Amino acid sequence: MTIHRRKVSVIGAGFTGATAAFMIAQNELADVVLVDLPDMEDSTKGKALDMLEASPVQGFDAHIIGTSNYEDIEGSDVVIITAGIARKPGMSVMT
């Protein structure tokens, strides 16, 4: 019998994406791949590492990686897209 761990990829490692990724991992819904732009790769990897290091304290078991390589989302059961452009001063959320 093969046990398949679910894999969820979150595109966009900003506030929304990082929070979604952490909640998925914390609730052991799936292993998580957090993806953002190449110039944000260090930050994305850092966020994933912070989440991973919280796992013993929070008591969850999930693999979490941060990357800018879209090939890492291969085989994902679910892909969540939270990426968008940052609002400029005066822009509304609806613009």
Protein backbone atom coordinates (compact mmCIF):
# COMPACT_ATOMS: atom_id res chain seq x y z
CA MET A 1 0.00 0.00 0.00
CA THR A 2 1.34 3.41 -0.95
CA ILE A 3 0.49 6.43 1.15
CA HIS A 4 0.38 9.64 -0.85
CA ARG A 5 0.96 12.89 0.98
CA ARG A 6 -1.06 15.66 -0.57
CA LYS A 7 0.82 18.59 -2.06
CA VAL A 8 -0.48 22.15 -2.24
CA SER A 9 1.39 24.89 -4.07
CA VAL A 10 0.82 28.52 -3.16
CA ILE A 11 1.80 31.04 -5.83
CA GLY A 12 2.62 34.34 -4.15
CA ALA A 13 4.51 34.52 -0.86
CA GLY A 14 3.13 37.84 0.37
CA PHE A 15 0.89 38.22 3.41
CA THR A 16 -2.02 36.25 1.94
CA GLY A 17 0.06 33.49 0.37
CA ALA A 18 2.35 33.00 3.36
CA THR A 19 -0.62 32.92 5.74
CA ALA A 20 -2.46 30.40 3.56
CA ALA A 21 0.67 28.24 3.31
CA PHE A 22 1.17 28.29 7.08
CA MET A 23 -2.46 27.41 7.81
CA ILE A 24 -2.34 24.50 5.35
CA ALA A 25 0.84 23.16 6.95
CA GLN A 26 -0.27 23.84 10.53
CA ASN A 27 -3.50 21.89 9.98
CA GLU A 28 -1.54 19.11 8.22
CA LEU A 29 -3.75 19.38 5.15
CA ALA A 30 -0.78 18.88 2.81
CA ASP A 31 2.89 19.48 2.19
CA VAL A 32 3.39 23.01 0.87
CA VAL A 33 5.40 24.59 -1.94
CA LEU A 34 5.53 28.38 -1.58
CA VAL A 35 6.46 30.09 -4.87
CA ASP A 36 7.31 33.70 -5.68
CA LEU A 37 9.37 35.70 -8.16
CA PRO A 38 13.10 34.99 -8.61
CA ASP A 39 14.08 38.31 -7.02
CA MET A 40 12.05 37.29 -3.95
CA GLU A 41 13.50 33.77 -3.70
CA ASP A 42 15.61 34.41 -0.58
CA SER A 43 12.61 35.90 1.21
CA THR A 44 10.38 33.04 0.06
CA LYS A 45 12.87 30.43 1.26
CA GLY A 46 13.18 32.30 4.56
CA LYS A 47 9.43 32.32 5.12
CA ALA A 48 9.24 28.59 4.37
CA LEU A 49 12.11 27.92 6.79
CA ASP A 50 10.41 29.98 9.51
CA MET A 51 7.24 27.92 9.05
CA LEU A 52 9.17 24.67 9.09
CA GLU A 53 10.99 25.65 12.28
CA ALA A 54 7.64 26.44 13.93
CA SER A 55 6.41 22.89 13.31
CA PRO A 56 7.88 21.28 16.46
CA VAL A 57 6.55 24.11 18.63
CA GLN A 58 3.12 24.10 16.98
CA GLY A 59 3.07 20.30 16.79
CA PHE A 60 2.49 19.71 13.10
CA ASP A 61 4.22 17.52 10.53
CA ALA A 62 4.35 18.98 7.03
CA HIS A 63 7.12 19.57 4.52
CA ILE A 64 7.39 23.20 3.40
CA ILE A 65 9.68 24.59 0.72
CA GLY A 66 10.15 28.08 -0.67
CA THR A 67 11.20 28.50 -4.28
CA SER A 68 10.99 30.59 -7.42
CA ASN A 69 11.10 27.51 -9.67
CA TYR A 70 7.66 26.68 -11.07
CA GLU A 71 8.84 23.14 -11.85
CA ASP A 72 8.60 22.50 -8.10
CA ILE A 73 4.80 22.66 -8.25
CA GLU A 74 4.66 19.58 -10.49
CA GLY A 75 2.39 16.92 -9.04
CA SER A 76 0.46 19.37 -6.87
CA ASP A 77 -3.01 18.28 -5.88
CA VAL A 78 -4.08 21.92 -5.52
CA VAL A 79 -2.54 25.20 -6.71
CA ILE A 80 -3.62 28.40 -4.97
CA ILE A 81 -2.80 31.69 -6.68
CA THR A 82 -2.51 34.64 -4.31
CA ALA A 83 -0.08 36.68 -6.42
CA GLY A 84 -1.04 40.08 -7.67
CA ILE A 85 0.38 43.52 -8.18
CA ALA A 86 0.97 45.73 -5.18
CA ARG A 87 -1.45 48.61 -4.78
CA LYS A 88 -0.10 52.10 -5.19
CA PRO A 89 -1.09 54.95 -2.87
CA GLY A 90 -4.68 55.94 -3.55
CA MET A 91 -5.57 52.68 -5.30
CA SER A 92 -8.57 50.85 -3.97
CA VAL A 93 -8.77 47.10 -3.62
CA MET A 94 -11.41 47.13 -6.36
CA THR A 95 -9.23 48.87 -8.96
